[in-house]
Amino acid sequence: MSITVLLADDHAVVRDGLQSMLEAQGDIEVIGHAGTGYEAVEQITELCPDVAVVDIAMPELNGIDVTREVIKACPSTRVVILSMYSTTEHILQALRAGALGYVLKESAGVEVINAVQAVHAGHRYLSEKILDRVVDDYVSRSATVMVKSPLERLSPREREVLQLVVESKSSVEISRILGISAKTIDTHRSRLMKKLNVRNIGELIKFGLNHGFTPPEEPDSTFPNTTA
C-alpha cells in the first residue's frame, strides 16, 4: 500500500520536483499540494495524508504553526519540515510543534525520501548535517537550568500576527488575511511588544526571526537537489 503524501511549499517548481522524486520510488503517492500555510492546514485536514512535507517558510502561516494545527486536526499525519534554516532554535521549535522530521533544503534529494519513509514508520528523521548540532545543544541545555521559551506566553492569534509582521505585512494586510479589523491587529501587535519586551516593530521582527519565525524565501533558493 502506498504512502500518501501532501506537499506544502509556496513555490510550484519545488512541489513539482519533490512530487517527481517521491513518486519515482513506487511506494509513495502525492495526493495534494498547498501553496500557503492556511491552505496547507485546510488540505491536510481534509485529506489526512500519511505524511505532510511542509516548508518552514510558508506565507501567512509558517510551517511550524502549520504543524501545530495539523497535529490537532489530523493526529495520524506525520509532518516533515523542509527548511533552509539549520539553527537549533528552528529545529527545536519544529520538534516541539510535533514534527517528526526536519530536512535541510540543501540536501533535500534523497533525504526527503528517507524522511518520508522513516516518519511513516513512526521514527524521527533529522538531516545528517544537523543531528550532531541538536545532540550537542541538548547536552549543553541539560547541564543548565532550562528557561521556558518566551513564545509560550503567546496565544495562537498572537503567533499568527507575529508571523505576518515578520513577513513585513501592514495592519491592513494582516486584517484582510485574518479577517479581523486593523484596529484589533494594532492591539495584538502592542500586546506582542509588551509580552516580548521589545520597543518597536524592528525589534519585534528581529525577535521573530531569532525564534523560528520565517520571512518569505527567494524562489531560486528553494529548489531541492534531487541527486543522490
Protein backbone atom coordinates (compact mmCIF):
# COMPACT_ATOMS: atom_id res chain seq x y z
CA MET A 1 0.00 0.00 0.00
CA SER A 2 1.37 3.42 -0.99
CA ILE A 3 2.43 6.08 1.50
CA THR A 4 0.19 9.10 0.85
CA VAL A 5 1.94 12.49 0.96
CA LEU A 6 0.86 16.12 0.76
CA LEU A 7 3.42 18.74 -0.30
CA ALA A 8 3.21 22.27 1.12
CA ASP A 9 5.56 24.84 -0.40
CA ASP A 10 4.84 28.26 -1.86
CA HIS A 11 6.89 27.53 -4.99
CA ALA A 12 5.22 25.29 -7.55
CA VAL A 13 8.57 24.27 -9.07
CA VAL A 14 9.65 22.86 -5.69
CA ARG A 15 6.41 20.95 -5.25
CA ASP A 16 6.66 19.51 -8.77
CA GLY A 17 10.29 18.48 -8.23
CA LEU A 18 9.50 16.81 -4.94
CA GLN A 19 6.50 15.01 -6.39
CA SER A 20 8.52 13.57 -9.29
CA MET A 21 11.25 12.44 -6.92
CA LEU A 22 8.92 10.85 -4.37
CA GLU A 23 6.61 9.10 -6.83
CA ALA A 24 9.61 7.63 -8.65
CA GLN A 25 10.05 5.38 -5.58
CA GLY A 26 6.94 3.40 -6.48
CA ASP A 27 5.54 3.17 -2.94
CA ILE A 28 4.77 6.89 -2.42
CA GLU A 29 1.74 8.75 -3.81
CA VAL A 30 1.42 12.55 -3.66
CA ILE A 31 -2.29 13.28 -3.12
CA GLY A 32 -2.27 17.05 -2.64
CA HIS A 33 -0.41 20.36 -2.88
CA ALA A 34 -0.64 23.60 -0.89
CA GLY A 35 0.93 26.99 -1.56
CA THR A 36 0.21 28.86 1.70
CA GLY A 37 0.16 27.93 5.36
CA TYR A 38 -3.61 28.22 5.70
CA GLU A 39 -4.15 26.21 2.53
CA ALA A 40 -1.83 23.53 3.92
CA VAL A 41 -3.88 23.22 7.11
CA GLU A 42 -7.10 23.06 5.10
CA GLN A 43 -5.81 20.46 2.63
CA ILE A 44 -4.16 18.25 5.26
CA THR A 45 -7.24 18.39 7.49
CA GLU A 46 -9.42 17.34 4.56
CA LEU A 47 -7.15 14.64 3.11
CA CYS A 48 -5.32 13.38 6.24
CA PRO A 49 -2.28 12.07 4.30
CA ASP A 50 0.13 9.66 5.94
CA VAL A 51 2.88 12.29 5.70
CA ALA A 52 2.92 16.04 5.09
CA VAL A 53 6.13 17.64 3.82
CA VAL A 54 5.87 21.28 4.89
CA ASP A 55 8.18 24.16 4.03
CA ILE A 56 9.10 26.07 7.19
CA ALA A 57 8.81 29.42 5.38
CA MET A 58 5.20 29.19 4.23
CA PRO A 59 3.50 32.57 3.68
CA GLU A 60 0.77 33.77 6.08
CA LEU A 61 1.20 30.82 8.49
CA ASN A 62 4.70 29.39 8.88
CA GLY A 63 5.45 25.68 8.73
CA ILE A 64 5.92 25.36 12.49
CA ASP A 65 2.45 26.72 13.21
CA VAL A 66 1.03 24.65 10.34
CA THR A 67 2.46 21.62 12.14
CA ARG A 68 0.72 22.56 15.40
CA GLU A 69 -2.63 22.89 13.63
CA VAL A 70 -2.17 19.67 11.67
CA ILE A 71 -1.29 17.63 14.77
CA LYS A 72 -4.52 18.81 16.42
CA ALA A 73 -6.74 18.33 13.35
CA CYS A 74 -5.29 15.09 11.99
CA PRO A 75 -3.09 13.32 14.58
CA SER A 76 -2.38 10.40 12.25
CA THR A 77 -0.49 12.64 9.81
CA ARG A 78 3.28 12.72 10.36
CA VAL A 79 4.99 16.02 9.49
CA VAL A 80 8.38 16.52 7.86
CA ILE A 81 9.65 20.11 7.93
CA LEU A 82 11.64 21.20 4.89
CA SER A 83 13.91 24.11 5.76
CA MET A 84 16.80 26.30 4.70
CA TYR A 85 17.45 27.06 8.40
CA SER A 86 19.85 24.89 10.39
CA THR A 87 19.78 26.82 13.67
CA THR A 88 18.97 24.86 16.81
CA GLU A 89 16.11 27.24 17.62
CA HIS A 90 14.31 26.50 14.35
CA ILE A 91 14.85 22.76 14.75
CA LEU A 92 13.68 22.63 18.37
CA GLN A 93 10.62 24.77 17.63
CA ALA A 94 9.66 22.37 14.82
CA LEU A 95 10.11 19.29 17.03
CA ARG A 96 8.20 20.87 19.90
CA ALA A 97 5.35 21.64 17.50
CA GLY A 98 5.11 17.93 16.72
CA ALA A 99 7.16 17.43 13.55
CA LEU A 100 8.86 14.04 13.32
CA GLY A 101 11.25 15.04 10.53
CA TYR A 102 13.45 18.05 9.74
CA VAL A 103 15.28 18.13 6.40
CA LEU A 104 17.58 20.85 5.09
CA LYS A 105 16.77 22.02 1.59
CA GLU A 106 20.43 21.96 0.58
CA SER A 107 20.40 18.17 0.95
CA ALA A 108 16.72 17.57 0.26
CA GLY A 109 17.02 15.00 -2.53
CA VAL A 110 17.44 11.51 -1.09
CA GLU A 111 16.87 12.80 2.45
CA VAL A 112 13.24 13.74 1.74
CA ILE A 113 12.60 10.18 0.58
CA ASN A 114 14.33 8.78 3.65
CA ALA A 115 12.43 11.18 5.92
CA VAL A 116 9.02 10.29 4.46
CA GLN A 117 9.69 6.58 4.86
CA ALA A 118 11.13 6.98 8.36
CA VAL A 119 8.33 9.12 9.84
CA HIS A 120 5.70 6.92 8.20
CA ALA A 121 7.24 4.05 10.16
CA GLY A 122 6.98 6.11 13.35
CA HIS A 123 10.63 7.19 13.59
CA ARG A 124 12.18 10.65 13.82
CA TYR A 125 14.38 11.85 10.98
CA LEU A 126 16.85 14.74 11.06
CA SER A 127 19.23 15.72 8.28
CA GLU A 128 22.67 14.30 8.97
CA LYS A 129 24.19 17.79 8.94
CA ILE A 130 22.10 18.94 11.89
CA LEU A 131 21.91 15.80 14.01
CA ASP A 132 25.19 16.39 15.87
CA ARG A 133 24.28 20.03 16.46
CA VAL A 134 20.96 19.14 18.05
CA VAL A 135 22.52 16.49 20.30
CA ASP A 136 25.31 18.85 21.41
CA ASP A 137 22.81 21.60 22.17
CA TYR A 138 20.59 19.21 24.13
CA VAL A 139 23.53 18.11 26.27
CA SER A 140 24.52 21.73 26.85
CA ARG A 141 21.00 22.80 27.84
CA SER A 142 20.53 19.77 30.09
CA ALA A 143 23.57 20.86 32.09
CA THR A 144 21.94 24.20 32.93
CA VAL A 145 18.57 25.39 34.21
CA MET A 146 16.11 25.25 31.32
CA VAL A 147 14.35 28.55 30.65
CA LYS A 148 10.91 28.50 29.08
CA SER A 149 10.68 29.99 25.61
CA PRO A 150 9.00 33.44 25.61
CA LEU A 151 6.85 32.11 22.76
CA GLU A 152 4.93 30.05 25.32
CA ARG A 153 3.37 33.30 26.57
CA LEU A 154 1.75 33.97 23.17
CA SER A 155 -1.75 32.97 22.13
CA PRO A 156 -2.30 31.23 18.76
CA ARG A 157 -3.66 34.50 17.33
CA GLU A 158 -0.62 36.43 18.56
CA ARG A 159 1.64 33.87 16.87
CA GLU A 160 -0.28 34.38 13.62
CA VAL A 161 0.13 38.14 13.87
CA LEU A 162 3.84 37.81 14.68
CA GLN A 163 4.38 35.61 11.61
CA LEU A 164 2.72 38.21 9.37
CA VAL A 165 4.69 41.04 10.98
CA VAL A 166 7.89 39.09 10.22
CA GLU A 167 6.65 38.95 6.61
CA SER A 168 6.50 42.80 6.72
CA LYS A 169 2.73 42.86 6.26
CA SER A 170 0.90 46.09 7.21
CA SER A 171 -2.01 46.19 9.67
CA VAL A 172 -4.43 46.47 6.74
CA GLU A 173 -2.90 43.44 5.00
CA ILE A 174 -2.91 41.39 8.21
CA SER A 175 -6.53 42.31 8.91
CA ARG A 176 -7.51 41.12 5.42
CA ILE A 177 -5.65 37.80 5.83
CA LEU A 178 -7.00 37.07 9.32
CA GLY A 179 -10.47 38.55 8.79
CA ILE A 180 -10.36 40.94 11.75
CA SER A 181 -10.14 44.73 11.96
CA ALA A 182 -6.92 46.70 11.54
CA LYS A 183 -7.55 48.23 14.98
CA THR A 184 -7.62 44.75 16.53
CA ILE A 185 -4.36 43.94 14.72
CA ASP A 186 -2.75 47.04 16.24
CA THR A 187 -3.93 45.86 19.68
CA HIS A 188 -2.43 42.40 19.14
CA ARG A 189 0.83 43.95 17.97
CA SER A 190 1.02 46.18 21.06
CA ARG A 191 0.40 43.18 23.32
CA LEU A 192 3.10 41.24 21.49
CA MET A 193 5.63 44.00 22.06
CA LYS A 194 4.71 44.19 25.75
CA LYS A 195 4.83 40.41 26.31
CA LEU A 196 8.13 40.05 24.47
CA ASN A 197 9.66 43.22 25.95
CA VAL A 198 10.52 44.84 22.62
CA ARG A 199 10.23 48.54 21.88
CA ASN A 200 9.39 48.79 18.20
CA ILE A 201 8.43 46.84 15.08
CA GLY A 202 12.07 46.39 14.04
CA GLU A 203 12.86 44.66 17.35
CA LEU A 204 9.66 42.60 17.05
CA ILE A 205 10.69 41.36 13.60
CA LYS A 206 14.20 40.60 14.87
CA PHE A 207 12.75 38.64 17.80
CA GLY A 208 10.56 36.62 15.44
CA LEU A 209 13.46 35.79 13.14
CA ASN A 210 15.59 34.69 16.10
CA HIS A 211 12.86 32.41 17.43
CA GLY A 212 11.88 30.33 14.44
CA PHE A 213 9.52 32.64 12.54
CA THR A 214 10.37 32.84 8.87
CA PRO A 215 10.32 35.51 6.16
CA PRO A 216 9.32 34.64 2.58
CA GLU A 217 12.06 32.82 0.65
CA GLU A 218 13.52 33.81 -2.69
CA PRO A 219 12.27 31.43 -5.43
CA ASP A 220 15.72 30.49 -6.70
CA SER A 221 16.88 29.37 -3.23
CA THR A 222 14.28 26.67 -2.69
CA PHE A 223 14.55 24.09 -5.46
CA PRO A 224 15.76 20.85 -3.92
CA ASN A 225 18.78 18.92 -5.01
CA THR A 226 17.26 15.73 -6.41
CA THR A 227 20.53 13.94 -6.99
CA ALA A 228 21.66 11.13 -4.76
